[in-house]
Amino acid sequence: MRDEAIRHASTGEVPLTRRAAREALTTSSALVEEAVRTSPSPSLGGIWVKFAQSESPLAQAPSDVEEPEVVDEPAAPAAEGEPTAAEGGSAAAAGEAPADVEPPSPFESAPADADLPAAPEAPAPIPAPEVPAPAPTSRRAARAAELIADESAASAHHRRPRRLSRLAVVAGLAVGGALLLGSSAAVTAMLTPPRAAMGAAADASPSREARLAAPAPAEALPVPEIDQQPVVADICTIPDFTAALTRGDDEAAVLAAGGGEAFRAAVAEGRAPCVDLRETWRVWAVVNKARPATPLDYRPTGLVLPDGVRNIEGGALRSDAASALTALVAAARDAGVGEVALESAFRSFQTQQETYSRHYAERGEQADQVSARPGHSEHQLGLSADVVACSGGCGTLDDLAATAQGQWLAAHAWELGWIVRYAEGATDVTGYVHEPWHLRYVGRELARAYHDGGWRSLEEFFGLEAAPGYLG
């Protein structure tokens, strides 16, 4: 590079780059300084001092930025009377510096008459590879290129802080990510079972193929074992049933048939030819407006007064019904609902005729909805009881439904073998309005089946035709 600078300095060529220009300037300065030091001319020394103190843009420009080659525009011919560069040099040598002439450039050759030491011969230039020189430009274009280069250098200078800030942000994100990953790894390590346990769990867990396989069919829910009696085509073929019928033990006969529901179903389906619901002495007898008692003036045997029951009219019941009423009244008292009294029980054919005549006189044809004609009343069977509630004194039949005793009887009378014979909403079947006080004894087995089946009347219970009115 130094040799190249010397070559440019000696030949007067313009360097191609700022680095080469700086090298040439340094070399030329050294040569001129040496010449001035040894020269007796004070004018040359003054020129050199001015040149050395001047701020050359070449000295300040960065050495690693190349500039395009600048070709000086040809100088205009000197006008007449103006000294030429050679003449100016001669005047400077004589010690008379022209007032209007700028100091000569150190790149210009010294005048021939100057007593300067001969410049050392420059070494032969090293042949450089041929590089196509850029197209010469004007001074204005060269200056623009210099400004662009300065802006590029400034931009590179200002980009460095941005790069540093970006690097700082990236480093911060990396550190944060590392801390996050470390925390996640720590939590995972705490929650993850030991490798041995994982291996055991992996061995115990089913394979992926097994998991993807069709699920095993669900096991059937356990069905409770219920002792069900086989359906008998004719319950009258059951020896125990027929034996109980012969003895007149109706409750035992129902049990022998398989219970209240089995007996009911057999009768309703016609699988009990030996059972006649018209037999008025049976506990399951049905007497209504279409089915009179047999005989019409039927009177049961074994009528008794129920024990432990307040008896307003002194009514009697069949012995089985009387015992059941005693148990019912005691259960109501034990339940804390109060006293239940018997107002009316068995009525003979003659007594029922008097009762119906009284109602008919009061209501006319409407008496059939509240009172039965003689021979069609359940009271004639000795199995029905009209009850009232008592608290010190006793209330009327119509008062019962609103009392605690009436509500308890509606919910629990079936447990002791009693049903409400004329239920609400069954008038079109029974022919009677709702009578919550009229209880009918059918035995515990049939009463349970009646309650569990949600029946409203004995007609529906046994599959009989409705009897809303009398047949003739």
Protein backbone atom coordinates (compact mmCIF):
# COMPACT_ATOMS: atom_id res chain seq x y z
CA MET A 1 0.00 0.00 0.00
CA ARG A 2 2.88 2.40 0.79
CA ASP A 3 4.47 1.68 -2.57
CA GLU A 4 1.21 2.38 -4.27
CA ALA A 5 0.92 5.70 -2.41
CA ILE A 6 4.47 6.65 -3.44
CA ARG A 7 3.62 5.85 -7.03
CA HIS A 8 0.57 8.10 -6.89
CA ALA A 9 2.52 10.86 -5.20
CA SER A 10 5.32 10.75 -7.73
CA THR A 11 3.13 10.52 -10.79
CA GLY A 12 0.47 12.98 -9.65
CA GLU A 13 -2.39 10.48 -10.19
CA VAL A 14 -5.49 10.84 -8.06
CA PRO A 15 -5.84 7.89 -5.69
CA LEU A 16 -8.77 5.64 -6.16
CA THR A 17 -9.63 5.33 -2.45
CA ARG A 18 -9.40 7.41 0.68
CA ARG A 19 -7.05 4.88 2.23
CA ALA A 20 -4.69 5.30 -0.74
CA ALA A 21 -5.11 9.09 -0.57
CA ARG A 22 -4.16 9.11 3.10
CA GLU A 23 -1.08 7.02 2.39
CA ALA A 24 -0.11 9.35 -0.46
CA LEU A 25 -0.68 12.42 1.73
CA THR A 26 1.47 11.00 4.47
CA THR A 27 4.27 10.16 2.06
CA SER A 28 4.10 13.49 0.25
CA SER A 29 4.04 15.35 3.56
CA ALA A 30 7.14 13.57 4.65
CA LEU A 31 8.91 14.42 1.40
CA VAL A 32 7.85 18.07 1.46
CA GLU A 33 8.77 18.42 5.12
CA GLU A 34 12.19 17.07 4.36
CA ALA A 35 12.53 19.47 1.44
CA VAL A 36 11.41 22.47 3.50
CA ARG A 37 13.72 21.55 6.34
CA THR A 38 16.68 21.52 3.99
CA SER A 39 15.48 24.44 1.84
CA PRO A 40 16.85 27.94 2.51
CA SER A 41 13.63 29.56 1.18
CA PRO A 42 11.41 30.99 3.94
CA SER A 43 8.45 31.26 1.56
CA LEU A 44 8.28 27.54 1.05
CA GLY A 45 8.35 26.99 4.81
CA GLY A 46 5.40 29.36 5.30
CA ILE A 47 3.41 27.58 2.66
CA TRP A 48 4.08 24.26 4.33
CA VAL A 49 2.99 25.55 7.74
CA LYS A 50 -0.33 26.77 6.29
CA PHE A 51 -0.82 23.47 4.58
CA ALA A 52 -0.01 21.47 7.69
CA GLN A 53 -2.46 23.54 9.81
CA SER A 54 -5.29 23.19 7.31
CA GLU A 55 -7.96 20.50 7.99
CA SER A 56 -7.94 18.20 5.05
CA PRO A 57 -11.06 16.11 4.60
CA LEU A 58 -8.84 13.32 3.44
CA ALA A 59 -7.08 13.21 6.79
CA GLN A 60 -10.39 13.03 8.68
CA ALA A 61 -12.20 10.55 6.49
CA PRO A 62 -12.29 6.95 7.67
CA SER A 63 -9.68 4.84 5.99
CA ASP A 64 -11.94 1.89 5.29
CA VAL A 65 -14.51 3.72 3.12
CA GLU A 66 -13.82 3.75 -0.59
CA GLU A 67 -14.84 6.58 -2.84
CA PRO A 68 -15.29 6.63 -6.55
CA GLU A 69 -12.50 8.06 -8.63
CA VAL A 70 -12.83 11.77 -9.11
CA VAL A 71 -11.64 13.33 -12.33
CA ASP A 72 -10.85 16.99 -12.10
CA GLU A 73 -12.54 19.16 -14.61
CA PRO A 74 -10.07 20.83 -17.03
CA ALA A 75 -8.99 24.20 -15.77
CA ALA A 76 -10.01 27.21 -17.76
CA PRO A 77 -7.19 28.92 -19.75
CA ALA A 78 -5.59 31.76 -17.93
CA ALA A 79 -6.47 35.22 -19.02
CA GLU A 80 -3.95 37.62 -20.32
CA GLY A 81 -1.96 39.30 -17.62
CA GLU A 82 -2.59 36.57 -15.06
CA PRO A 83 0.42 34.58 -13.96
CA THR A 84 0.43 30.92 -14.65
CA ALA A 85 1.12 28.19 -12.08
CA ALA A 86 4.75 28.05 -13.23
CA GLU A 87 5.10 31.81 -12.93
CA GLY A 88 3.56 31.73 -9.49
CA GLY A 89 6.05 29.11 -8.51
CA SER A 90 8.93 31.26 -9.74
CA ALA A 91 7.66 34.21 -7.72
CA ALA A 92 7.42 32.06 -4.63
CA ALA A 93 10.99 30.94 -5.21
CA ALA A 94 12.11 34.58 -5.37
CA GLY A 95 10.40 35.26 -2.04
CA GLU A 96 7.60 37.43 -3.48
CA ALA A 97 4.24 35.72 -3.04
CA PRO A 98 1.56 37.18 -5.32
CA ALA A 99 -1.35 38.64 -3.38
CA ASP A 100 -4.12 37.03 -5.46
CA VAL A 101 -2.55 33.59 -5.90
CA GLU A 102 -3.42 30.75 -3.52
CA PRO A 103 -0.60 28.74 -2.06
CA PRO A 104 0.42 25.97 -4.38
CA SER A 105 -0.69 22.46 -3.55
CA PRO A 106 1.95 20.14 -2.24
CA PHE A 107 0.94 17.78 -5.03
CA GLU A 108 2.11 20.30 -7.66
CA SER A 109 5.69 19.93 -8.74
CA ALA A 110 8.23 22.48 -7.48
CA PRO A 111 9.66 25.05 -9.98
CA ALA A 112 12.65 24.07 -11.89
CA ASP A 113 14.83 26.79 -10.42
CA ALA A 114 14.08 25.76 -6.82
CA ASP A 115 17.07 24.41 -5.06
CA LEU A 116 15.41 21.22 -3.80
CA PRO A 117 17.04 17.92 -3.27
CA ALA A 118 16.22 15.43 -5.88
CA ALA A 119 13.34 13.16 -4.96
CA PRO A 120 14.36 9.62 -4.46
CA GLU A 121 13.50 7.35 -7.22
CA ALA A 122 10.23 5.60 -6.56
CA PRO A 123 10.40 1.86 -6.72
CA ALA A 124 8.82 0.22 -9.64
CA PRO A 125 5.10 -0.16 -9.04
CA ILE A 126 3.83 -3.61 -8.41
CA PRO A 127 1.51 -4.52 -11.18
CA ALA A 128 -2.04 -4.62 -9.78
CA PRO A 129 -4.82 -6.71 -11.21
CA GLU A 130 -6.73 -4.91 -13.81
CA VAL A 131 -9.95 -3.65 -12.26
CA PRO A 132 -12.37 -1.81 -14.46
CA ALA A 133 -12.34 1.75 -13.25
CA PRO A 134 -15.68 3.33 -12.50
CA ALA A 135 -16.95 5.87 -14.89
CA PRO A 136 -15.58 9.33 -14.13
CA THR A 137 -18.04 11.62 -12.44
CA SER A 138 -18.27 15.32 -11.80
CA ARG A 139 -17.20 17.03 -8.60
CA ARG A 140 -20.85 17.48 -7.63
CA ALA A 141 -21.50 13.73 -7.97
CA ALA A 142 -18.32 12.98 -5.99
CA ARG A 143 -19.47 15.27 -3.20
CA ALA A 144 -22.89 13.60 -3.15
CA ALA A 145 -21.21 10.20 -2.92
CA GLU A 146 -19.12 11.47 -0.02
CA LEU A 147 -22.21 12.67 1.83
CA ILE A 148 -23.95 9.34 1.23
CA ALA A 149 -20.91 7.53 2.57
CA ASP A 150 -20.91 9.74 5.68
CA GLU A 151 -24.64 9.05 6.24
CA SER A 152 -24.03 5.32 5.79
CA ALA A 153 -21.26 5.45 8.37
CA ALA A 154 -23.49 7.42 10.74
CA SER A 155 -26.32 4.93 10.20
CA ALA A 156 -23.99 2.07 10.96
CA HIS A 157 -22.87 3.93 14.06
CA HIS A 158 -26.46 4.47 15.22
CA ARG A 159 -27.49 0.91 14.41
CA ARG A 160 -25.02 -0.45 16.91
CA PRO A 161 -27.02 0.69 20.02
CA ARG A 162 -30.18 -0.74 18.47
CA ARG A 163 -28.47 -4.05 17.91
CA LEU A 164 -27.22 -3.98 21.48
CA SER A 165 -30.74 -3.26 22.79
CA ARG A 166 -32.18 -6.04 20.65
CA LEU A 167 -29.54 -8.41 21.92
CA ALA A 168 -30.40 -7.36 25.48
CA VAL A 169 -34.11 -8.04 24.88
CA VAL A 170 -33.36 -11.43 23.33
CA ALA A 171 -31.06 -12.28 26.22
CA GLY A 172 -33.75 -11.26 28.73
CA LEU A 173 -36.34 -13.41 26.99
CA ALA A 174 -33.94 -16.32 26.92
CA VAL A 175 -33.25 -15.97 30.66
CA GLY A 176 -37.00 -15.70 31.41
CA GLY A 177 -37.72 -18.75 29.26
CA ALA A 178 -34.99 -20.70 31.03
CA LEU A 179 -36.42 -19.76 34.42
CA LEU A 180 -39.92 -20.72 33.29
CA LEU A 181 -38.74 -24.05 31.92
CA GLY A 182 -36.81 -24.65 35.09
CA SER A 183 -39.85 -23.96 37.25
CA SER A 184 -42.01 -26.21 35.06
CA ALA A 185 -39.42 -28.93 35.26
CA ALA A 186 -39.32 -28.62 39.04
CA VAL A 187 -43.12 -28.82 39.33
CA THR A 188 -43.20 -31.76 36.93
CA ALA A 189 -40.53 -33.50 38.92
CA MET A 190 -42.53 -33.06 42.13
CA LEU A 191 -45.77 -34.28 40.55
CA THR A 192 -44.24 -37.12 38.56
CA PRO A 193 -43.98 -40.40 40.43
CA PRO A 194 -40.63 -42.14 40.62
CA ARG A 195 -39.45 -43.93 37.54
CA ALA A 196 -40.00 -47.28 39.20
CA ALA A 197 -43.58 -46.42 40.03
CA MET A 198 -44.13 -45.15 36.50
CA GLY A 199 -42.77 -48.39 35.15
CA ALA A 200 -45.09 -50.38 37.37
CA ALA A 201 -48.04 -48.23 36.37
CA ALA A 202 -47.12 -48.61 32.72
CA ASP A 203 -46.98 -52.36 33.13
CA ALA A 204 -50.32 -52.36 34.90
CA SER A 205 -52.05 -49.96 32.47
CA PRO A 206 -53.58 -51.48 29.35
CA SER A 207 -51.86 -51.00 26.04
CA ARG A 208 -53.06 -48.49 23.49
CA GLU A 209 -54.55 -51.25 21.39
CA ALA A 210 -56.42 -52.53 24.41
CA ARG A 211 -57.74 -49.06 25.18
CA LEU A 212 -58.88 -48.57 21.62
CA ALA A 213 -60.56 -51.93 21.53
CA ALA A 214 -64.32 -52.13 21.80
CA PRO A 215 -65.48 -51.67 25.42
CA ALA A 216 -66.58 -54.72 27.26
CA PRO A 217 -70.33 -55.04 27.55
CA ALA A 218 -71.68 -53.62 30.76
CA GLU A 219 -72.68 -56.14 33.31
CA ALA A 220 -76.38 -56.39 33.94
CA LEU A 221 -77.61 -54.79 37.11
CA PRO A 222 -78.45 -57.27 39.81
CA VAL A 223 -82.12 -58.06 39.87
CA PRO A 224 -83.57 -58.60 43.30
CA GLU A 225 -84.92 -62.08 43.74
CA ILE A 226 -88.63 -61.97 44.45
CA ASP A 227 -90.53 -65.06 45.33
CA GLN A 228 -93.25 -65.04 42.73
CA GLN A 229 -96.03 -67.51 42.85
CA PRO A 230 -96.69 -69.15 39.55
CA VAL A 231 -99.92 -68.04 37.92
CA VAL A 232 -102.49 -70.70 38.58
CA ALA A 233 -105.03 -71.30 35.89
CA ASP A 234 -107.72 -71.97 38.51
CA ILE A 235 -107.12 -71.03 42.12
CA CYS A 236 -110.00 -73.28 43.04
CA THR A 237 -107.67 -76.24 42.35
CA ILE A 238 -105.45 -75.20 45.25
CA PRO A 239 -106.32 -77.55 48.12
CA ASP A 240 -105.50 -75.03 50.85
CA PHE A 241 -107.65 -72.46 49.14
CA THR A 242 -110.69 -74.72 48.89
CA ALA A 243 -110.17 -75.94 52.45
CA ALA A 244 -110.16 -72.36 53.75
CA LEU A 245 -113.30 -71.60 51.77
CA THR A 246 -115.02 -74.62 53.30
CA ARG A 247 -114.10 -73.50 56.81
CA GLY A 248 -115.31 -69.98 56.12
CA ASP A 249 -111.85 -68.56 56.82
CA ASP A 250 -111.73 -65.92 54.12
CA GLU A 251 -108.39 -64.39 55.18
CA ALA A 252 -106.69 -67.82 55.04
CA ALA A 253 -108.21 -68.46 51.62
CA VAL A 254 -106.75 -65.22 50.25
CA LEU A 255 -103.31 -66.17 51.57
CA ALA A 256 -103.62 -69.64 50.04
CA ALA A 257 -104.43 -68.07 46.66
CA GLY A 258 -101.11 -66.23 46.80
CA GLY A 259 -102.10 -63.02 48.56
CA GLY A 260 -104.50 -60.16 47.98
CA GLU A 261 -103.28 -59.24 44.49
CA ALA A 262 -103.20 -62.84 43.29
CA PHE A 263 -106.74 -63.39 44.55
CA ARG A 264 -107.98 -60.14 42.98
CA ALA A 265 -106.38 -60.98 39.63
CA ALA A 266 -107.83 -64.48 39.63
CA VAL A 267 -111.32 -63.18 40.32
CA ALA A 268 -111.09 -60.34 37.78
CA GLU A 269 -109.68 -62.65 35.09
CA GLY A 270 -112.21 -65.45 35.70
CA ARG A 271 -109.70 -67.90 37.17
CA ALA A 272 -111.71 -68.33 40.40
CA PRO A 273 -114.98 -70.04 39.46
CA CYS A 274 -115.56 -71.09 43.05
CA VAL A 275 -115.58 -67.46 44.25
CA ASP A 276 -118.93 -65.66 44.11
CA LEU A 277 -118.86 -61.96 44.95
CA ARG A 278 -122.65 -62.13 45.63
CA GLU A 279 -122.14 -64.31 48.70
CA THR A 280 -122.92 -61.64 51.24
CA TRP A 281 -121.29 -63.52 54.14
CA ARG A 282 -117.86 -63.38 52.45
CA VAL A 283 -115.41 -60.63 53.35
CA TRP A 284 -114.96 -59.85 49.66
CA ALA A 285 -118.72 -59.57 48.96
CA VAL A 286 -119.77 -56.66 46.74
CA VAL A 287 -123.16 -55.07 47.36
CA ASN A 288 -124.20 -52.03 45.34
CA LYS A 289 -127.16 -50.59 43.44
CA ALA A 290 -126.89 -53.32 40.84
CA ARG A 291 -125.97 -56.18 43.18
CA PRO A 292 -128.33 -56.53 46.17
CA ALA A 293 -127.65 -58.67 49.21
CA THR A 294 -128.53 -62.37 49.04
CA PRO A 295 -131.04 -62.89 50.48
CA LEU A 296 -132.44 -59.36 50.35
CA ASP A 297 -133.06 -59.33 54.11
CA TYR A 298 -129.69 -60.88 54.92
CA ARG A 299 -128.55 -60.68 58.56
CA PRO A 300 -125.04 -61.86 59.55
CA THR A 301 -124.37 -64.04 62.53
CA GLY A 302 -121.89 -63.31 65.29
CA LEU A 303 -122.49 -59.58 65.60
CA VAL A 304 -120.59 -58.02 68.52
CA LEU A 305 -119.84 -54.62 69.92
CA PRO A 306 -116.28 -53.51 69.27
CA ASP A 307 -114.16 -53.36 72.37
CA GLY A 308 -112.57 -50.06 73.49
CA VAL A 309 -114.50 -47.95 71.02
CA ARG A 310 -116.94 -45.15 71.90
CA ASN A 311 -120.21 -46.34 70.39
CA ILE A 312 -122.67 -43.51 69.83
CA GLU A 313 -125.67 -45.54 68.55
CA GLY A 314 -124.66 -48.91 70.01
CA GLY A 315 -123.91 -50.45 66.63
CA ALA A 316 -122.52 -53.95 66.26
CA LEU A 317 -120.21 -55.57 63.69
CA ARG A 318 -119.16 -58.99 62.61
CA SER A 319 -116.60 -60.33 65.02
CA ASP A 320 -113.69 -60.05 62.57
CA ALA A 321 -114.69 -56.47 61.65
CA ALA A 322 -115.26 -55.55 65.31
CA SER A 323 -111.74 -56.71 66.24
CA ALA A 324 -110.28 -54.79 63.32
CA LEU A 325 -112.10 -51.60 64.35
CA THR A 326 -110.80 -51.91 67.90
CA ALA A 327 -107.25 -52.14 66.51
CA LEU A 328 -107.84 -49.16 64.20
CA VAL A 329 -109.12 -46.88 66.97
CA ALA A 330 -106.19 -47.86 69.21
CA ALA A 331 -103.68 -47.17 66.41
CA ALA A 332 -105.13 -43.70 65.83
CA ARG A 333 -104.95 -42.95 69.53
CA ASP A 334 -101.35 -44.20 69.71
CA ALA A 335 -100.47 -42.04 66.69
CA GLY A 336 -101.61 -39.03 68.70
CA VAL A 337 -104.33 -37.91 66.30
CA GLY A 338 -107.17 -38.24 68.82
CA GLU A 339 -110.21 -40.40 69.43
CA VAL A 340 -112.25 -42.10 66.74
CA ALA A 341 -115.81 -43.15 67.65
CA LEU A 342 -118.32 -45.46 65.99
CA GLU A 343 -121.55 -43.72 65.04
CA SER A 344 -123.30 -46.35 62.92
CA ALA A 345 -122.56 -50.04 62.16
CA PHE A 346 -124.90 -52.92 61.27
CA ARG A 347 -128.35 -52.01 60.02
CA SER A 348 -131.01 -54.55 59.39
CA PHE A 349 -133.27 -54.49 56.32
CA GLN A 350 -136.01 -52.78 58.33
CA THR A 351 -133.64 -50.18 59.85
CA GLN A 352 -132.22 -49.32 56.42
CA GLN A 353 -135.74 -48.88 55.09
CA GLU A 354 -136.40 -46.25 57.77
CA THR A 355 -133.10 -44.50 57.14
CA TYR A 356 -133.66 -44.28 53.37
CA SER A 357 -137.20 -43.01 53.80
CA ARG A 358 -135.93 -40.16 55.99
CA HIS A 359 -133.31 -39.10 53.42
CA TYR A 360 -135.80 -39.40 50.59
CA ALA A 361 -138.19 -37.15 52.43
CA GLU A 362 -135.44 -34.54 52.74
CA ARG A 363 -133.80 -34.82 49.30
CA GLY A 364 -136.17 -36.66 47.04
CA GLU A 365 -134.42 -38.50 44.19
CA GLN A 366 -131.08 -37.11 45.37
CA ALA A 367 -131.36 -39.39 48.40
CA ASP A 368 -129.94 -42.22 46.25
CA GLN A 369 -126.53 -40.49 46.30
CA VAL A 370 -126.30 -40.45 50.10
CA SER A 371 -128.35 -43.43 51.22
CA ALA A 372 -128.88 -46.97 49.93
CA ARG A 373 -132.25 -48.57 49.46
CA PRO A 374 -133.05 -51.54 51.72
CA GLY A 375 -131.23 -54.70 50.65
CA HIS A 376 -128.52 -52.67 48.82
CA SER A 377 -126.65 -51.25 51.81
CA GLU A 378 -123.24 -52.48 52.96
CA HIS A 379 -124.35 -51.79 56.54
CA GLN A 380 -126.59 -54.86 56.19
CA LEU A 381 -123.43 -57.01 55.82
CA GLY A 382 -122.06 -56.10 59.29
CA LEU A 383 -118.72 -55.10 57.57
CA SER A 384 -119.19 -51.30 57.36
CA ALA A 385 -118.73 -48.60 60.00
CA ASP A 386 -119.49 -44.85 59.93
CA VAL A 387 -116.97 -43.13 62.23
CA VAL A 388 -116.58 -39.63 63.63
CA ALA A 389 -113.82 -37.69 65.36
CA CYS A 390 -114.08 -36.88 69.01
CA SER A 391 -112.23 -34.38 71.14
CA GLY A 392 -114.21 -34.32 74.39
CA GLY A 393 -117.41 -34.20 72.36
CA CYS A 394 -117.79 -35.88 68.97
CA GLY A 395 -118.32 -34.17 65.66
CA THR A 396 -120.61 -35.03 62.78
CA LEU A 397 -119.91 -37.27 59.79
CA ASP A 398 -119.35 -34.25 57.59
CA ASP A 399 -116.73 -32.87 60.01
CA LEU A 400 -114.44 -35.90 59.84
CA ALA A 401 -112.50 -35.10 56.65
CA ALA A 402 -111.12 -31.84 58.07
CA THR A 403 -109.88 -33.37 61.32
CA ALA A 404 -106.56 -35.01 62.15
CA GLN A 405 -108.41 -38.27 62.71
CA GLY A 406 -110.00 -38.15 59.26
CA GLN A 407 -106.66 -37.46 57.54
CA TRP A 408 -104.95 -40.22 59.45
CA LEU A 409 -107.70 -42.72 58.60
CA ALA A 410 -107.45 -41.90 54.88
CA ALA A 411 -103.72 -42.64 54.98
CA HIS A 412 -103.51 -45.62 57.37
CA ALA A 413 -106.88 -47.43 57.58
CA TRP A 414 -105.75 -49.98 54.94
CA GLU A 415 -102.98 -51.17 57.27
CA LEU A 416 -105.68 -52.61 59.57
CA GLY A 417 -107.85 -54.11 56.78
CA TRP A 418 -110.17 -51.13 56.13
CA ILE A 419 -110.78 -49.12 52.93
CA VAL A 420 -112.76 -45.92 52.24
CA ARG A 421 -115.53 -47.52 50.24
CA TYR A 422 -116.86 -44.43 48.50
CA ALA A 423 -113.86 -42.49 47.42
CA GLU A 424 -113.77 -39.01 45.94
CA GLY A 425 -114.14 -38.96 42.20
CA ALA A 426 -115.73 -42.43 41.95
CA THR A 427 -119.38 -41.38 42.03
CA ASP A 428 -119.89 -42.44 38.42
CA VAL A 429 -118.86 -45.98 39.43
CA THR A 430 -120.37 -46.41 42.88
CA GLY A 431 -123.37 -44.10 42.55
CA TYR A 432 -122.52 -42.37 45.85
CA VAL A 433 -120.85 -39.09 46.71
CA HIS A 434 -117.59 -39.07 48.57
CA GLU A 435 -118.09 -40.44 52.10
CA PRO A 436 -114.75 -40.30 53.99
CA TRP A 437 -116.47 -41.60 57.13
CA HIS A 438 -117.79 -44.81 55.50
CA LEU A 439 -115.18 -47.55 56.13
CA ARG A 440 -115.50 -51.07 54.75
CA TYR A 441 -113.64 -54.03 56.14
CA VAL A 442 -112.11 -56.41 53.52
CA GLY A 443 -109.25 -57.97 55.49
CA ARG A 444 -105.59 -56.97 55.58
CA GLU A 445 -104.49 -58.85 52.46
CA LEU A 446 -107.14 -57.42 50.17
CA ALA A 447 -106.83 -53.95 51.74
CA ARG A 448 -103.09 -53.97 51.01
CA ALA A 449 -103.68 -54.91 47.38
CA TYR A 450 -106.41 -52.27 47.13
CA HIS A 451 -104.09 -49.54 48.48
CA ASP A 452 -101.01 -50.62 46.52
CA GLY A 453 -103.00 -50.75 43.29
CA GLY A 454 -104.44 -47.27 43.80
CA TRP A 455 -107.98 -48.50 43.35
CA ARG A 456 -111.01 -46.28 44.03
CA SER A 457 -113.80 -48.81 44.26
CA LEU A 458 -114.44 -52.52 44.76
CA GLU A 459 -116.18 -52.57 41.39
CA GLU A 460 -112.96 -51.58 39.64
CA PHE A 461 -110.86 -53.71 41.96
CA PHE A 462 -112.64 -56.91 40.96
CA GLY A 463 -113.34 -55.89 37.37
CA LEU A 464 -117.08 -55.45 37.80
CA GLU A 465 -119.38 -53.17 35.90
CA ALA A 466 -120.04 -49.72 37.34
CA ALA A 467 -123.25 -49.32 39.33
CA PRO A 468 -124.14 -45.62 39.37
CA GLY A 469 -127.90 -46.33 39.57
CA TYR A 470 -130.45 -48.97 40.31
CA LEU A 471 -131.48 -51.39 37.60
CA GLY A 472 -135.21 -51.08 37.88
